[in-house]
Structures are given as structure tokens and as C-alpha cells.
Amino acid sequence: MRALKQTVWVLLVFALIAGGALLLLMWTRSRPQDVPWTPLDLSQPIGAFTGRKLAGLGSDDGQCRALLTRAGVRYEKLAPVPRRGECGYANGVRFTSGGARTIAFSPASLGTACPVAVGLALWEWNIVQPEAQKHFGSRVVRIEHFGSYSCRRMYGRTTGDWSEHAKANAVDIAAFVLADGRRVSVLGDWKGEGDKPAFLRAVRDGACRLFATVLSPDYNAAHRDHLHLDQAARGEMGWRACR
């Protein structure tokens, strides 16, 4: 009888372990973006590990470009900028018209490191457009920016840490233009109440799920007119700055 009880307990434990493994497998397949070991898929909604996977793309621009291609995003690969000290990049891309993206950037010459481009695509699809529909009942058709690559230290200082802009690993977003012609700018619409400030804060908060660093006017005066988005390498470890 004792041997029989032990056998029953062993079978119960085995069943629980097998059942738990099956549930984990099913959950992983239904929510791959919420676990660290699944590959990044741009067709999936943003999950707990999406931001880390985006930051991890910096070491493999071939994989990064393949993600854009599979998602139907049209782009051109930029010629490398030879490294000079802390400046330069080898994995730059520029969005081109058509494909899965209908939004435009102004100026149209925006080129960024590939992980930043992938982050921008996910941000537009999952955050910017839904929030624009929620607050304005209209799509965003153009995003205005202050550029990406700039060989400089943080805040343009002559000493101190180098900016992610020095590697084209950052972009500064200034304003959004809606299909109905309305314009929402960080400089003019951040403060106060109403749909425009609410929209800007929502897209800032959403960007924090995708970028390693997001800085806004709430951070300091240097960011009073733009949202700084970057994919600093620390993002792969889950270390994020969102202010």
C-alpha cells in the first residue's frame, strides 16, 4: 500500500510539472513578446521584453534590417560613416515611401541606426496612431524632427559623456501633423490641459516601453522643444530612463 501511495504521488507531481510546462509553452506562443527567449516579431503587440530585444539589435544590423523587411517596411541602407573616436555608424537606414509605413518624416532625410528605426515603426503603429485616434479622431501623417546623427557630446558640451546622437542611435521628435491639418508640437503644446498635452504625454510614456532613453520637457529645459528617443546599450539589460 505504501509503495502504491508513493507511485501515486510521483505520478501527480509529474502531471503537475508536465501541465505547468504545457501551460508555459501555450502562454509563450500566445505572448512571445513577454518572454526573453523568443525572437522579436514586429507583428506582435508591445510586450514586457520588446524594449530589451530592440536595444539588443545594435550588435546585428543584418537581423535588424531583416525585421523591417519582413514587416513590409521600405527603407534604404545608408552608407557607413567611418568611426572617428566616438562618432560614426555602420548600421544606418532611412525610411522610404510605400510599404507598411504611410507616415512621413520632416525633413525627409532622416537616417538613424537601424534599432532606432525599428523602435520608431513600432511606436507609430502601437502608440502614436492609436493615441491620435483617441484624442483627435485623426491619423498622424507627418512627424517633424530635429535629426539623428550628430558627432557631439551630451548637450553639446566639450567634456563629459558622448551623446547617442554621435552613433545615430537617437532621434529628437519635435511635432506631429494630423491628417486634418492640425499640428501638435512639443514646444507649444506640452503644458496645460486638453487633448494636445494629453496626447504628447501618452506618446512619451508609450515610447518608454520601446526606447532605452526617453527625455521630454519634464526632464530639463534642454528638452523643452522635443522628445529625445535613443537605444542606449543598457536598454538590453532593462535599464531605462523615462522622464
C-alpha atoms as a PDB file:
ATOM      1  CA  MET A   1       0.000   0.000   0.000  1.00  0.00           C
ATOM      2  CA  ARG A   2       2.833   2.401   0.873  1.00  0.00           C
ATOM      3  CA  ALA A   3       4.528   1.718  -2.456  1.00  0.00           C
ATOM      4  CA  LEU A   4       1.244   2.403  -4.240  1.00  0.00           C
ATOM      5  CA  LYS A   5       0.834   5.775  -2.467  1.00  0.00           C
ATOM      6  CA  GLN A   6       4.367   6.761  -3.389  1.00  0.00           C
ATOM      7  CA  THR A   7       3.696   5.853  -7.010  1.00  0.00           C
ATOM      8  CA  VAL A   8       0.507   7.933  -7.000  1.00  0.00           C
ATOM      9  CA  TRP A   9       2.358  10.923  -5.552  1.00  0.00           C
ATOM     10  CA  VAL A  10       5.109  10.610  -8.138  1.00  0.00           C
ATOM     11  CA  LEU A  11       2.545  10.483 -10.913  1.00  0.00           C
ATOM     12  CA  LEU A  12       0.722  13.521  -9.501  1.00  0.00           C
ATOM     13  CA  VAL A  13       3.938  15.521  -9.272  1.00  0.00           C
ATOM     14  CA  PHE A  14       4.887  14.517 -12.805  1.00  0.00           C
ATOM     15  CA  ALA A  15       1.432  15.521 -14.052  1.00  0.00           C
ATOM     16  CA  LEU A  16       1.706  18.898 -12.345  1.00  0.00           C
ATOM     17  CA  ILE A  17       5.146  19.532 -13.837  1.00  0.00           C
ATOM     18  CA  ALA A  18       4.014  18.427 -17.295  1.00  0.00           C
ATOM     19  CA  GLY A  19       0.866  20.511 -17.023  1.00  0.00           C
ATOM     20  CA  GLY A  20       2.828  23.556 -15.929  1.00  0.00           C
ATOM     21  CA  ALA A  21       5.269  23.110 -18.793  1.00  0.00           C
ATOM     22  CA  LEU A  22       2.371  22.833 -21.237  1.00  0.00           C
ATOM     23  CA  LEU A  23       0.755  25.996 -19.864  1.00  0.00           C
ATOM     24  CA  LEU A  24       4.090  27.839 -20.105  1.00  0.00           C
ATOM     25  CA  LEU A  25       4.512  26.696 -23.703  1.00  0.00           C
ATOM     26  CA  MET A  26       0.988  27.800 -24.607  1.00  0.00           C
ATOM     27  CA  TRP A  27       1.474  31.176 -22.920  1.00  0.00           C
ATOM     28  CA  THR A  28       4.834  31.676 -24.651  1.00  0.00           C
ATOM     29  CA  ARG A  29       3.255  31.020 -28.022  1.00  0.00           C
ATOM     30  CA  SER A  30       0.366  33.375 -27.354  1.00  0.00           C
ATOM     31  CA  ARG A  31       2.528  36.143 -25.809  1.00  0.00           C
ATOM     32  CA  PRO A  32       6.059  35.761 -27.277  1.00  0.00           C
ATOM     33  CA  GLN A  33       6.809  39.420 -26.654  1.00  0.00           C
ATOM     34  CA  ASP A  34       6.525  38.855 -22.884  1.00  0.00           C
ATOM     35  CA  VAL A  35       9.384  36.339 -22.608  1.00  0.00           C
ATOM     36  CA  PRO A  36      13.098  36.957 -23.203  1.00  0.00           C
ATOM     37  CA  TRP A  37      13.993  33.910 -25.298  1.00  0.00           C
ATOM     38  CA  THR A  38      11.662  34.405 -28.284  1.00  0.00           C
ATOM     39  CA  PRO A  39      12.818  36.422 -31.318  1.00  0.00           C
ATOM     40  CA  LEU A  40      11.448  39.899 -31.868  1.00  0.00           C
ATOM     41  CA  ASP A  41       8.415  39.998 -34.164  1.00  0.00           C
ATOM     42  CA  LEU A  42       7.148  43.390 -35.309  1.00  0.00           C
ATOM     43  CA  SER A  43       3.683  41.976 -35.955  1.00  0.00           C
ATOM     44  CA  GLN A  44       3.218  41.338 -32.224  1.00  0.00           C
ATOM     45  CA  PRO A  45       1.962  43.969 -29.761  1.00  0.00           C
ATOM     46  CA  ILE A  46       4.459  45.550 -27.399  1.00  0.00           C
ATOM     47  CA  GLY A  47       5.352  43.233 -24.528  1.00  0.00           C
ATOM     48  CA  ALA A  48       7.470  43.127 -21.394  1.00  0.00           C
ATOM     49  CA  PHE A  49      10.681  42.275 -23.295  1.00  0.00           C
ATOM     50  CA  THR A  50      10.133  44.171 -26.546  1.00  0.00           C
ATOM     51  CA  GLY A  51      12.289  47.106 -25.446  1.00  0.00           C
ATOM     52  CA  ARG A  52      15.171  44.863 -24.388  1.00  0.00           C
ATOM     53  CA  LYS A  53      15.074  42.998 -27.684  1.00  0.00           C
ATOM     54  CA  LEU A  54      15.126  46.288 -29.584  1.00  0.00           C
ATOM     55  CA  ALA A  55      18.199  47.501 -27.718  1.00  0.00           C
ATOM     56  CA  GLY A  56      19.864  44.148 -28.405  1.00  0.00           C
ATOM     57  CA  LEU A  57      19.586  44.680 -32.162  1.00  0.00           C
ATOM     58  CA  GLY A  58      22.503  47.098 -32.099  1.00  0.00           C
ATOM     59  CA  SER A  59      25.065  44.324 -32.499  1.00  0.00           C
ATOM     60  CA  ASP A  60      23.446  42.768 -35.590  1.00  0.00           C
ATOM     61  CA  ASP A  61      22.252  45.200 -38.229  1.00  0.00           C
ATOM     62  CA  GLY A  62      21.525  42.348 -40.665  1.00  0.00           C
ATOM     63  CA  GLN A  63      18.943  40.915 -38.279  1.00  0.00           C
ATOM     64  CA  CYS A  64      17.575  44.404 -37.690  1.00  0.00           C
ATOM     65  CA  ARG A  65      17.067  45.126 -41.383  1.00  0.00           C
ATOM     66  CA  ALA A  66      15.509  41.684 -41.867  1.00  0.00           C
ATOM     67  CA  LEU A  67      12.864  42.607 -39.276  1.00  0.00           C
ATOM     68  CA  LEU A  68      11.937  45.728 -41.248  1.00  0.00           C
ATOM     69  CA  THR A  69      11.790  43.753 -44.481  1.00  0.00           C
ATOM     70  CA  ARG A  70       9.540  41.050 -43.021  1.00  0.00           C
ATOM     71  CA  ALA A  71       7.220  43.729 -41.641  1.00  0.00           C
ATOM     72  CA  GLY A  72       6.834  45.261 -45.100  1.00  0.00           C
ATOM     73  CA  VAL A  73       8.696  48.448 -44.209  1.00  0.00           C
ATOM     74  CA  ARG A  74      10.539  50.033 -47.107  1.00  0.00           C
ATOM     75  CA  TYR A  75      13.916  51.542 -46.379  1.00  0.00           C
ATOM     76  CA  GLU A  76      17.340  52.145 -47.820  1.00  0.00           C
ATOM     77  CA  LYS A  77      20.603  51.139 -46.188  1.00  0.00           C
ATOM     78  CA  LEU A  78      22.811  54.159 -45.618  1.00  0.00           C
ATOM     79  CA  ALA A  79      26.495  54.250 -46.417  1.00  0.00           C
ATOM     80  CA  PRO A  80      28.547  53.827 -43.237  1.00  0.00           C
ATOM     81  CA  VAL A  81      30.033  56.896 -41.573  1.00  0.00           C
ATOM     82  CA  PRO A  82      33.623  55.870 -40.663  1.00  0.00           C
ATOM     83  CA  ARG A  83      34.297  55.911 -36.963  1.00  0.00           C
ATOM     84  CA  ARG A  84      36.236  58.895 -35.663  1.00  0.00           C
ATOM     85  CA  GLY A  85      36.738  58.394 -31.974  1.00  0.00           C
ATOM     86  CA  GLU A  86      33.237  58.026 -30.502  1.00  0.00           C
ATOM     87  CA  CYS A  87      31.472  59.184 -33.664  1.00  0.00           C
ATOM     88  CA  GLY A  88      30.230  57.289 -36.705  1.00  0.00           C
ATOM     89  CA  TYR A  89      27.949  54.371 -37.503  1.00  0.00           C
ATOM     90  CA  ALA A  90      27.705  51.359 -39.812  1.00  0.00           C
ATOM     91  CA  ASN A  91      24.049  50.315 -39.448  1.00  0.00           C
ATOM     92  CA  GLY A  92      22.091  53.339 -40.625  1.00  0.00           C
ATOM     93  CA  VAL A  93      18.800  53.153 -42.527  1.00  0.00           C
ATOM     94  CA  ARG A  94      16.325  55.646 -43.940  1.00  0.00           C
ATOM     95  CA  PHE A  95      12.615  55.004 -44.419  1.00  0.00           C
ATOM     96  CA  THR A  96      11.351  55.303 -47.987  1.00  0.00           C
ATOM     97  CA  SER A  97       7.781  55.738 -49.181  1.00  0.00           C
ATOM     98  CA  GLY A  98       5.268  52.936 -49.523  1.00  0.00           C
ATOM     99  CA  GLY A  99       5.115  49.566 -47.861  1.00  0.00           C
ATOM    100  CA  ALA A 100       3.808  49.185 -44.335  1.00  0.00           C
ATOM    101  CA  ARG A 101       4.550  52.811 -43.462  1.00  0.00           C
ATOM    102  CA  THR A 102       2.421  55.659 -44.721  1.00  0.00           C
ATOM    103  CA  ILE A 103       3.729  58.274 -42.315  1.00  0.00           C
ATOM    104  CA  ALA A 104       6.323  60.826 -43.453  1.00  0.00           C
ATOM    105  CA  PHE A 105       9.181  62.461 -41.591  1.00  0.00           C
ATOM    106  CA  SER A 106      10.086  66.100 -42.000  1.00  0.00           C
ATOM    107  CA  PRO A 107      12.798  66.764 -43.017  1.00  0.00           C
ATOM    108  CA  ALA A 108      12.556  63.640 -45.190  1.00  0.00           C
ATOM    109  CA  SER A 109      16.294  62.966 -44.980  1.00  0.00           C
ATOM    110  CA  LEU A 110      16.050  61.347 -41.538  1.00  0.00           C
ATOM    111  CA  GLY A 111      18.506  58.458 -41.186  1.00  0.00           C
ATOM    112  CA  THR A 112      19.042  56.583 -37.932  1.00  0.00           C
ATOM    113  CA  ALA A 113      20.721  53.478 -36.587  1.00  0.00           C
ATOM    114  CA  CYS A 114      18.529  50.516 -37.503  1.00  0.00           C
ATOM    115  CA  PRO A 115      17.352  49.739 -33.923  1.00  0.00           C
ATOM    116  CA  VAL A 116      16.035  53.304 -33.639  1.00  0.00           C
ATOM    117  CA  ALA A 117      14.168  52.890 -36.941  1.00  0.00           C
ATOM    118  CA  VAL A 118      12.554  49.659 -35.733  1.00  0.00           C
ATOM    119  CA  GLY A 119      11.575  51.391 -32.495  1.00  0.00           C
ATOM    120  CA  LEU A 120      10.032  54.266 -34.452  1.00  0.00           C
ATOM    121  CA  ALA A 121       7.990  51.849 -36.558  1.00  0.00           C
ATOM    122  CA  LEU A 122       6.613  50.057 -33.503  1.00  0.00           C
ATOM    123  CA  TRP A 123       5.999  53.378 -31.771  1.00  0.00           C
ATOM    124  CA  GLU A 124       3.989  54.691 -34.691  1.00  0.00           C
ATOM    125  CA  TRP A 125       1.890  51.549 -35.127  1.00  0.00           C
ATOM    126  CA  ASN A 126       1.233  50.753 -31.480  1.00  0.00           C
ATOM    127  CA  ILE A 127       1.344  54.123 -29.722  1.00  0.00           C
ATOM    128  CA  VAL A 128       1.239  57.212 -31.932  1.00  0.00           C
ATOM    129  CA  GLN A 129      -1.620  56.280 -34.264  1.00  0.00           C
ATOM    130  CA  PRO A 130      -3.927  54.802 -31.575  1.00  0.00           C
ATOM    131  CA  GLU A 131      -3.369  57.832 -29.344  1.00  0.00           C
ATOM    132  CA  ALA A 132      -4.027  60.212 -32.254  1.00  0.00           C
ATOM    133  CA  GLN A 133      -7.321  58.463 -32.970  1.00  0.00           C
ATOM    134  CA  LYS A 134      -8.224  58.535 -29.284  1.00  0.00           C
ATOM    135  CA  HIS A 135      -7.530  62.228 -28.734  1.00  0.00           C
ATOM    136  CA  PHE A 136      -8.214  63.772 -32.153  1.00  0.00           C
ATOM    137  CA  GLY A 137     -10.143  61.232 -34.231  1.00  0.00           C
ATOM    138  CA  SER A 138      -7.481  61.624 -36.918  1.00  0.00           C
ATOM    139  CA  ARG A 139      -4.282  59.936 -38.090  1.00  0.00           C
ATOM    140  CA  VAL A 140      -0.795  61.363 -37.824  1.00  0.00           C
ATOM    141  CA  VAL A 141       0.561  61.831 -41.352  1.00  0.00           C
ATOM    142  CA  ARG A 142       3.875  63.528 -40.594  1.00  0.00           C
ATOM    143  CA  ILE A 143       6.369  63.609 -37.751  1.00  0.00           C
ATOM    144  CA  GLU A 144       8.708  66.589 -37.531  1.00  0.00           C
ATOM    145  CA  HIS A 145      12.150  66.013 -36.058  1.00  0.00           C
ATOM    146  CA  PHE A 146      15.457  67.721 -35.276  1.00  0.00           C
ATOM    147  CA  GLY A 147      17.605  64.937 -36.699  1.00  0.00           C
ATOM    148  CA  SER A 148      19.586  61.955 -35.510  1.00  0.00           C
ATOM    149  CA  TYR A 149      23.315  61.789 -36.244  1.00  0.00           C
ATOM    150  CA  SER A 150      25.461  64.481 -34.684  1.00  0.00           C
ATOM    151  CA  CYS A 151      29.078  63.993 -33.644  1.00  0.00           C
ATOM    152  CA  ARG A 152      28.885  65.606 -30.209  1.00  0.00           C
ATOM    153  CA  ARG A 153      28.899  65.057 -26.502  1.00  0.00           C
ATOM    154  CA  MET A 154      25.755  65.275 -24.400  1.00  0.00           C
ATOM    155  CA  TYR A 155      24.189  68.768 -24.517  1.00  0.00           C
ATOM    156  CA  GLY A 156      26.955  69.887 -26.890  1.00  0.00           C
ATOM    157  CA  ARG A 157      29.499  70.113 -24.078  1.00  0.00           C
ATOM    158  CA  THR A 158      33.233  69.966 -24.723  1.00  0.00           C
ATOM    159  CA  THR A 159      33.770  67.366 -21.993  1.00  0.00           C
ATOM    160  CA  GLY A 160      31.751  64.544 -20.498  1.00  0.00           C
ATOM    161  CA  ASP A 161      29.813  61.587 -21.894  1.00  0.00           C
ATOM    162  CA  TRP A 162      29.164  61.239 -25.588  1.00  0.00           C
ATOM    163  CA  SER A 163      25.605  61.504 -26.852  1.00  0.00           C
ATOM    164  CA  GLU A 164      23.868  58.557 -28.508  1.00  0.00           C
ATOM    165  CA  HIS A 165      23.428  61.004 -31.394  1.00  0.00           C
ATOM    166  CA  ALA A 166      27.143  60.504 -32.100  1.00  0.00           C
ATOM    167  CA  LYS A 167      26.240  56.985 -33.292  1.00  0.00           C
ATOM    168  CA  ALA A 168      22.909  57.889 -34.955  1.00  0.00           C
ATOM    169  CA  ASN A 169      21.399  55.888 -32.104  1.00  0.00           C
ATOM    170  CA  ALA A 170      18.950  58.640 -31.141  1.00  0.00           C
ATOM    171  CA  VAL A 171      16.338  60.898 -32.674  1.00  0.00           C
ATOM    172  CA  ASP A 172      14.706  64.118 -31.476  1.00  0.00           C
ATOM    173  CA  ILE A 173      10.963  64.399 -32.180  1.00  0.00           C
ATOM    174  CA  ALA A 174       9.546  67.933 -32.364  1.00  0.00           C
ATOM    175  CA  ALA A 175       5.941  67.757 -33.589  1.00  0.00           C
ATOM    176  CA  PHE A 176       3.133  65.721 -35.130  1.00  0.00           C
ATOM    177  CA  VAL A 177       0.910  66.765 -38.031  1.00  0.00           C
ATOM    178  CA  LEU A 178      -2.562  65.229 -38.343  1.00  0.00           C
ATOM    179  CA  ALA A 179      -4.470  64.291 -41.481  1.00  0.00           C
ATOM    180  CA  ASP A 180      -6.900  67.153 -40.842  1.00  0.00           C
ATOM    181  CA  GLY A 181      -4.042  69.662 -40.786  1.00  0.00           C
ATOM    182  CA  ARG A 182      -3.727  70.194 -37.041  1.00  0.00           C
ATOM    183  CA  ARG A 183      -0.195  70.362 -35.664  1.00  0.00           C
ATOM    184  CA  VAL A 184       0.836  69.233 -32.191  1.00  0.00           C
ATOM    185  CA  SER A 185       4.260  70.465 -31.085  1.00  0.00           C
ATOM    186  CA  VAL A 186       6.279  69.648 -28.000  1.00  0.00           C
ATOM    187  CA  LEU A 187       7.317  73.285 -27.589  1.00  0.00           C
ATOM    188  CA  GLY A 188       3.845  74.789 -27.970  1.00  0.00           C
ATOM    189  CA  ASP A 189       1.537  72.130 -26.573  1.00  0.00           C
ATOM    190  CA  TRP A 190       3.290  70.274 -23.746  1.00  0.00           C
ATOM    191  CA  LYS A 191       1.935  72.396 -20.925  1.00  0.00           C
ATOM    192  CA  GLY A 192      -1.652  72.796 -19.864  1.00  0.00           C
ATOM    193  CA  GLU A 193      -4.759  70.663 -20.200  1.00  0.00           C
ATOM    194  CA  GLY A 194      -6.652  69.271 -23.147  1.00  0.00           C
ATOM    195  CA  ASP A 195      -6.113  66.758 -25.906  1.00  0.00           C
ATOM    196  CA  LYS A 196      -2.796  68.064 -27.204  1.00  0.00           C
ATOM    197  CA  PRO A 197      -0.857  67.861 -23.912  1.00  0.00           C
ATOM    198  CA  ALA A 198      -2.540  64.538 -23.114  1.00  0.00           C
ATOM    199  CA  PHE A 199      -1.524  63.140 -26.499  1.00  0.00           C
ATOM    200  CA  LEU A 200       2.093  64.258 -26.106  1.00  0.00           C
ATOM    201  CA  ARG A 201       2.382  62.695 -22.664  1.00  0.00           C
ATOM    202  CA  ALA A 202       0.788  59.473 -23.890  1.00  0.00           C
ATOM    203  CA  VAL A 203       3.223  59.087 -26.787  1.00  0.00           C
ATOM    204  CA  ARG A 204       6.115  59.936 -24.431  1.00  0.00           C
ATOM    205  CA  ASP A 205       5.001  57.257 -21.973  1.00  0.00           C
ATOM    206  CA  GLY A 206       4.486  54.751 -24.773  1.00  0.00           C
ATOM    207  CA  ALA A 207       7.970  55.422 -26.135  1.00  0.00           C
ATOM    208  CA  CYS A 208       9.362  54.444 -22.732  1.00  0.00           C
ATOM    209  CA  ARG A 209       8.280  50.861 -23.464  1.00  0.00           C
ATOM    210  CA  LEU A 210      10.389  50.782 -26.630  1.00  0.00           C
ATOM    211  CA  PHE A 211      13.435  53.000 -26.142  1.00  0.00           C
ATOM    212  CA  ALA A 212      16.235  52.829 -23.594  1.00  0.00           C
ATOM    213  CA  THR A 213      16.058  56.589 -23.028  1.00  0.00           C
ATOM    214  CA  VAL A 214      13.115  58.953 -23.402  1.00  0.00           C
ATOM    215  CA  LEU A 215      13.591  62.565 -22.330  1.00  0.00           C
ATOM    216  CA  SER A 216      10.892  65.231 -22.501  1.00  0.00           C
ATOM    217  CA  PRO A 217      10.280  68.802 -21.256  1.00  0.00           C
ATOM    218  CA  ASP A 218       9.581  67.247 -17.846  1.00  0.00           C
ATOM    219  CA  TYR A 219      13.299  66.371 -17.659  1.00  0.00           C
ATOM    220  CA  ASN A 220      15.002  69.722 -18.194  1.00  0.00           C
ATOM    221  CA  ALA A 221      14.943  72.923 -20.231  1.00  0.00           C
ATOM    222  CA  ALA A 222      17.247  71.454 -22.877  1.00  0.00           C
ATOM    223  CA  HIS A 223      14.348  69.197 -23.929  1.00  0.00           C
ATOM    224  CA  ARG A 224      11.631  71.856 -23.829  1.00  0.00           C
ATOM    225  CA  ASP A 225      11.013  71.543 -27.580  1.00  0.00           C
ATOM    226  CA  HIS A 226      11.473  67.830 -28.324  1.00  0.00           C
ATOM    227  CA  LEU A 227      11.296  64.226 -27.190  1.00  0.00           C
ATOM    228  CA  HIS A 228      14.698  62.553 -27.183  1.00  0.00           C
ATOM    229  CA  LEU A 229      14.474  58.821 -28.003  1.00  0.00           C
ATOM    230  CA  ASP A 230      17.516  56.543 -28.040  1.00  0.00           C
ATOM    231  CA  GLN A 231      18.518  52.891 -27.905  1.00  0.00           C
ATOM    232  CA  ALA A 232      21.463  53.013 -25.493  1.00  0.00           C
ATOM    233  CA  ALA A 233      23.031  49.594 -24.949  1.00  0.00           C
ATOM    234  CA  ARG A 234      21.966  49.500 -21.285  1.00  0.00           C
ATOM    235  CA  GLY A 235      18.396  49.032 -22.517  1.00  0.00           C
ATOM    236  CA  GLU A 236      19.220  45.407 -23.306  1.00  0.00           C
ATOM    237  CA  MET A 237      19.568  44.838 -19.557  1.00  0.00           C
ATOM    238  CA  GLY A 238      16.290  46.596 -18.844  1.00  0.00           C
ATOM    239  CA  TRP A 239      17.920  49.794 -17.529  1.00  0.00           C
ATOM    240  CA  ARG A 240      15.761  52.604 -18.815  1.00  0.00           C
ATOM    241  CA  ALA A 241      15.451  56.357 -18.342  1.00  0.00           C
ATOM    242  CA  CYS A 242      11.971  57.816 -18.857  1.00  0.00           C
ATOM    243  CA  ARG A 243      11.494  61.417 -17.817  1.00  0.00           C
END
